Amino acid sequence: MAQQVKKISQAKRKDPLTDLASLTSIGKTASRLARAKALENGVSFTFAQQGVIKRRYPDGRVEIVRTMEHFADFPTLEQDLCRD
C-alpha cells in the first residue's frame, strides 16, 4: 500500500535579488568574505572609502591609490541598481 504524501502550502516569497535590503546584505557579506579570503591567501585588495581609492595588503598596510573626482556624483547602490 502506497503512503500518501502530505501536501504543504507554499508561501510566495520575495526574490532576494529584487529586494534592496536583502541584496545589500548579500553584497556586504560577500564583500567581507572575499576580503578575508584575499588576506588569508596573501593577496591585496582594492576598495573605495569616503571618496578615496585604497589598497590593503596582507601585512595590514593601506596605500592610497588615488582620490576619486566627482565623489558627490557617485551613485548609491539603490540608484545604480534601479536605473531605467
Protein backbone atom coordinates (compact mmCIF):
# COMPACT_ATOMS: atom_id res chain seq x y z
CA MET A 1 0.00 0.00 0.00
CA ALA A 2 1.42 3.36 -1.05
CA GLN A 3 1.78 6.11 1.53
CA GLN A 4 0.17 9.43 0.88
CA VAL A 5 2.46 12.43 0.72
CA LYS A 6 1.30 15.27 2.90
CA LYS A 7 0.89 18.49 0.91
CA ILE A 8 2.13 21.69 2.47
CA SER A 9 1.23 25.21 1.46
CA GLN A 10 3.83 27.16 -0.40
CA ALA A 11 4.07 30.80 0.61
CA LYS A 12 5.14 33.27 -2.03
CA ARG A 13 8.48 34.75 -1.05
CA LYS A 14 10.28 37.88 -2.15
CA ASP A 15 13.06 37.31 -4.61
CA PRO A 16 16.21 38.36 -2.69
CA LEU A 17 17.70 39.86 -5.83
CA THR A 18 14.84 42.32 -6.24
CA ASP A 19 14.59 43.26 -2.56
CA LEU A 20 17.16 46.03 -1.99
CA ALA A 21 17.65 45.28 1.74
CA SER A 22 18.38 41.60 1.01
CA LEU A 23 20.65 42.47 -1.90
CA THR A 24 22.60 44.93 0.26
CA SER A 25 23.02 42.30 2.97
CA ILE A 26 24.16 39.67 0.46
CA GLY A 27 26.64 42.14 -1.06
CA LYS A 28 28.11 43.16 2.30
CA THR A 29 28.53 39.54 3.38
CA ALA A 30 30.12 38.51 0.08
CA SER A 31 32.47 41.50 0.14
CA ARG A 32 33.53 40.85 3.73
CA LEU A 33 34.23 37.17 2.99
CA ALA A 34 36.15 37.99 -0.20
CA ARG A 35 38.38 40.48 1.65
CA ALA A 36 39.09 37.98 4.42
CA LYS A 37 39.88 35.22 1.92
CA ALA A 38 42.21 37.52 -0.04
CA LEU A 39 44.15 38.39 3.11
CA GLU A 40 44.32 34.71 4.14
CA ASN A 41 45.84 33.87 0.76
CA GLY A 42 48.34 36.71 0.86
CA VAL A 43 46.64 38.83 -1.80
CA SER A 44 46.00 42.57 -1.61
CA PHE A 45 42.62 44.07 -2.48
CA THR A 46 41.46 47.50 -3.61
CA PHE A 47 38.45 49.34 -2.19
CA ALA A 48 36.85 52.77 -2.09
CA GLN A 49 36.23 54.57 1.18
CA GLN A 50 34.83 58.09 1.51
CA GLY A 51 35.95 59.17 -1.95
CA VAL A 52 39.44 57.66 -1.76
CA ILE A 53 40.55 54.50 -3.58
CA LYS A 54 42.83 52.45 -1.32
CA ARG A 55 44.71 49.15 -1.50
CA ARG A 56 45.12 46.95 1.58
CA TYR A 57 47.99 44.49 1.78
CA PRO A 58 48.08 41.23 3.77
CA ASP A 59 50.58 42.74 6.22
CA GLY A 60 47.94 45.35 7.21
CA ARG A 61 49.49 48.24 5.29
CA VAL A 62 46.99 50.53 3.50
CA GLU A 63 48.09 52.56 0.48
CA ILE A 64 46.13 55.44 -1.07
CA VAL A 65 45.87 54.79 -4.81
CA ARG A 66 44.05 57.99 -5.73
CA THR A 67 41.25 60.35 -4.76
CA MET A 68 38.01 60.00 -6.70
CA GLU A 69 36.95 63.06 -8.63
CA HIS A 70 33.27 63.97 -8.53
CA PHE A 71 32.68 61.80 -5.47
CA ALA A 72 29.38 63.60 -4.77
CA ASP A 73 28.10 62.39 -8.16
CA PHE A 74 28.88 58.74 -7.39
CA PRO A 75 25.57 56.78 -7.44
CA THR A 76 24.29 54.94 -4.39
CA LEU A 77 23.68 51.19 -4.64
CA GLU A 78 19.95 51.82 -4.99
CA GLN A 79 20.46 54.35 -7.78
CA ASP A 80 22.86 52.05 -9.59
CA LEU A 81 20.54 49.02 -9.41
CA CYS A 82 17.29 50.83 -10.18
CA ARG A 83 18.31 52.51 -13.42
CA ASP A 84 15.68 52.58 -16.15
